[in-house]
Amino acid sequence: MMRRIGDLEARPTKMTLHLTERSITYPHSVVEDVFVNEDKFMFHVNFVVIDMEEEWKFPLANPL
C-alpha cells in the first residue's frame, strides 16, 4: 500500500501489536502526519505499517 501511495517517510518502531485473534505482530514502521480526505472532511492521522498481503476488495484509505 505504501508503494502505491508514494512519497511518505516511514520511521522505524519497536511497537508490538496484539491482534484480535490473539496473535502478535511487529510493525515495520510508522508513518506520521498524513492528511486523509473523506467526503468533505480532512483528517490528520498516523499509520502503523505492517507486513500483509495486498487485498484489493476494498480500499483502506483515500490519501491525498
N, C-alpha and C. Protein backbone atom coordinates (compact mmCIF):
# COMPACT_ATOMS: atom_id res chain seq x y z
N MET A 1 0.82 -1.18 0.00
CA MET A 1 0.00 0.00 0.00
C MET A 1 0.87 1.25 0.00
N MET A 2 1.93 1.25 0.80
CA MET A 2 2.81 2.43 0.83
C MET A 2 3.45 2.68 -0.52
N ARG A 3 3.78 1.62 -1.24
CA ARG A 3 4.35 1.80 -2.57
C ARG A 3 3.36 2.48 -3.51
N ARG A 4 2.09 2.18 -3.35
CA ARG A 4 1.05 2.77 -4.19
C ARG A 4 0.83 4.24 -3.84
N ILE A 5 0.94 4.59 -2.57
CA ILE A 5 0.70 5.97 -2.15
C ILE A 5 1.83 6.87 -2.58
N GLY A 6 3.06 6.43 -2.37
CA GLY A 6 4.19 7.22 -2.85
C GLY A 6 4.98 7.90 -1.76
N ASP A 7 5.17 9.19 -1.89
CA ASP A 7 6.13 9.99 -1.13
C ASP A 7 5.79 10.11 0.35
N LEU A 8 6.07 9.04 1.12
CA LEU A 8 5.85 9.05 2.56
C LEU A 8 7.13 8.63 3.27
N GLU A 9 7.38 9.24 4.43
CA GLU A 9 8.56 8.88 5.22
C GLU A 9 8.14 7.93 6.33
N ALA A 10 8.66 6.72 6.30
CA ALA A 10 8.35 5.72 7.33
C ALA A 10 9.49 5.67 8.33
N ARG A 11 9.14 5.77 9.61
CA ARG A 11 10.14 5.73 10.68
C ARG A 11 10.06 4.39 11.40
N PRO A 12 11.19 3.81 11.75
CA PRO A 12 11.20 2.53 12.47
C PRO A 12 10.48 2.64 13.81
N THR A 13 9.96 1.51 14.28
CA THR A 13 9.26 1.48 15.56
C THR A 13 9.56 0.17 16.29
N LYS A 14 9.45 0.20 17.60
CA LYS A 14 9.62 -1.02 18.41
C LYS A 14 8.27 -1.45 18.99
N MET A 15 7.21 -1.02 18.36
CA MET A 15 5.85 -1.30 18.81
C MET A 15 5.51 -2.78 18.62
N THR A 16 4.65 -3.29 19.48
CA THR A 16 4.11 -4.64 19.35
C THR A 16 2.60 -4.52 19.29
N LEU A 17 1.97 -5.21 18.33
CA LEU A 17 0.51 -5.19 18.21
C LEU A 17 -0.06 -6.55 18.58
N HIS A 18 -1.07 -6.55 19.44
CA HIS A 18 -1.78 -7.77 19.81
C HIS A 18 -3.09 -7.75 19.02
N LEU A 19 -3.24 -8.68 18.10
CA LEU A 19 -4.40 -8.70 17.21
C LEU A 19 -5.57 -9.44 17.83
N THR A 20 -6.76 -9.27 17.23
CA THR A 20 -7.97 -9.84 17.82
C THR A 20 -7.96 -11.35 17.89
N GLU A 21 -7.26 -12.03 16.97
CA GLU A 21 -7.21 -13.49 17.02
C GLU A 21 -6.10 -13.98 17.97
N ARG A 22 -5.65 -13.08 18.85
CA ARG A 22 -4.65 -13.35 19.88
C ARG A 22 -3.25 -13.61 19.35
N SER A 23 -2.99 -13.18 18.15
CA SER A 23 -1.63 -13.27 17.63
C SER A 23 -0.91 -11.95 17.88
N ILE A 24 0.39 -11.97 17.73
CA ILE A 24 1.23 -10.79 17.94
C ILE A 24 1.97 -10.50 16.65
N THR A 25 2.04 -9.22 16.28
CA THR A 25 2.79 -8.83 15.09
C THR A 25 3.68 -7.64 15.44
N TYR A 26 4.76 -7.51 14.72
CA TYR A 26 5.72 -6.44 14.93
C TYR A 26 5.73 -5.55 13.70
N PRO A 27 5.21 -4.33 13.81
CA PRO A 27 5.14 -3.43 12.66
C PRO A 27 6.53 -3.10 12.12
N HIS A 28 6.57 -2.80 10.82
CA HIS A 28 7.81 -2.38 10.18
C HIS A 28 8.16 -0.95 10.54
N SER A 29 7.14 -0.09 10.55
CA SER A 29 7.40 1.33 10.75
C SER A 29 6.10 2.07 11.05
N VAL A 30 6.26 3.38 11.28
CA VAL A 30 5.13 4.28 11.49
C VAL A 30 5.25 5.43 10.51
N VAL A 31 4.14 5.79 9.89
CA VAL A 31 4.09 6.96 9.00
C VAL A 31 3.26 8.01 9.73
N GLU A 32 3.87 9.17 9.97
CA GLU A 32 3.21 10.22 10.74
C GLU A 32 2.82 11.41 9.87
N ASP A 33 1.85 12.16 10.36
CA ASP A 33 1.44 13.42 9.74
C ASP A 33 0.94 13.26 8.31
N VAL A 34 -0.04 12.38 8.12
CA VAL A 34 -0.65 12.15 6.81
C VAL A 34 -2.05 12.76 6.84
N PHE A 35 -2.41 13.47 5.77
CA PHE A 35 -3.76 14.02 5.66
C PHE A 35 -4.61 13.09 4.81
N VAL A 36 -5.79 12.76 5.32
CA VAL A 36 -6.71 11.85 4.63
C VAL A 36 -8.03 12.57 4.41
N ASN A 37 -8.50 12.57 3.15
CA ASN A 37 -9.79 13.16 2.80
C ASN A 37 -10.87 12.10 2.83
N GLU A 38 -11.97 12.41 3.48
CA GLU A 38 -13.14 11.54 3.44
C GLU A 38 -14.36 12.44 3.27
N ASP A 39 -14.91 12.40 2.06
CA ASP A 39 -16.04 13.27 1.71
C ASP A 39 -15.62 14.72 1.88
N LYS A 40 -16.28 15.49 2.73
CA LYS A 40 -15.92 16.90 2.90
C LYS A 40 -15.02 17.13 4.12
N PHE A 41 -14.55 16.07 4.75
CA PHE A 41 -13.71 16.17 5.94
C PHE A 41 -12.26 15.80 5.62
N MET A 42 -11.33 16.46 6.31
CA MET A 42 -9.91 16.14 6.18
C MET A 42 -9.39 15.79 7.58
N PHE A 43 -8.72 14.64 7.68
CA PHE A 43 -8.21 14.17 8.95
C PHE A 43 -6.70 14.11 8.93
N HIS A 44 -6.09 14.47 10.05
CA HIS A 44 -4.64 14.37 10.23
C HIS A 44 -4.40 13.08 11.02
N VAL A 45 -3.71 12.09 10.41
CA VAL A 45 -3.58 10.76 11.01
C VAL A 45 -2.15 10.25 10.97
N ASN A 46 -1.91 9.20 11.74
CA ASN A 46 -0.66 8.43 11.71
C ASN A 46 -1.02 6.99 11.37
N PHE A 47 -0.16 6.31 10.61
CA PHE A 47 -0.39 4.93 10.21
C PHE A 47 0.71 4.03 10.74
N VAL A 48 0.33 2.84 11.17
CA VAL A 48 1.28 1.79 11.55
C VAL A 48 1.39 0.86 10.35
N VAL A 49 2.61 0.62 9.87
CA VAL A 49 2.85 -0.19 8.68
C VAL A 49 3.19 -1.61 9.10
N ILE A 50 2.34 -2.56 8.68
CA ILE A 50 2.60 -3.97 8.97
C ILE A 50 2.74 -4.72 7.65
N ASP A 51 3.37 -5.87 7.72
CA ASP A 51 3.56 -6.70 6.54
C ASP A 51 2.34 -7.59 6.37
N MET A 52 1.63 -7.41 5.26
CA MET A 52 0.45 -8.23 4.97
C MET A 52 0.28 -8.31 3.46
N GLU A 53 -0.44 -9.32 3.03
CA GLU A 53 -0.69 -9.44 1.60
C GLU A 53 -1.72 -8.40 1.19
N GLU A 54 -1.51 -7.86 -0.01
CA GLU A 54 -2.43 -6.86 -0.52
C GLU A 54 -3.77 -7.50 -0.86
N GLU A 55 -4.82 -6.81 -0.48
CA GLU A 55 -6.16 -7.28 -0.78
C GLU A 55 -6.91 -6.14 -1.46
N TRP A 56 -7.39 -6.37 -2.65
CA TRP A 56 -7.96 -5.31 -3.47
C TRP A 56 -9.48 -5.25 -3.39
N LYS A 57 -10.12 -5.94 -2.46
CA LYS A 57 -11.57 -5.95 -2.39
C LYS A 57 -12.14 -4.62 -1.93
N PHE A 58 -11.40 -3.91 -1.08
CA PHE A 58 -11.88 -2.61 -0.60
C PHE A 58 -10.68 -1.74 -0.27
N PRO A 59 -10.83 -0.42 -0.42
CA PRO A 59 -9.72 0.48 -0.07
C PRO A 59 -9.64 0.68 1.44
N LEU A 60 -8.44 0.76 1.97
CA LEU A 60 -8.25 1.01 3.39
C LEU A 60 -8.39 2.49 3.71
N ALA A 61 -7.94 3.34 2.78
CA ALA A 61 -8.00 4.79 3.00
C ALA A 61 -7.88 5.49 1.65
N ASN A 62 -8.26 6.74 1.63
CA ASN A 62 -8.13 7.57 0.43
C ASN A 62 -7.16 8.70 0.71
N PRO A 63 -5.85 8.48 0.52
CA PRO A 63 -4.86 9.54 0.83
C PRO A 63 -4.93 10.67 -0.18
N LEU A 64 -4.45 11.83 0.21
CA LEU A 64 -4.40 12.98 -0.69
C LEU A 64 -3.40 12.77 -1.79
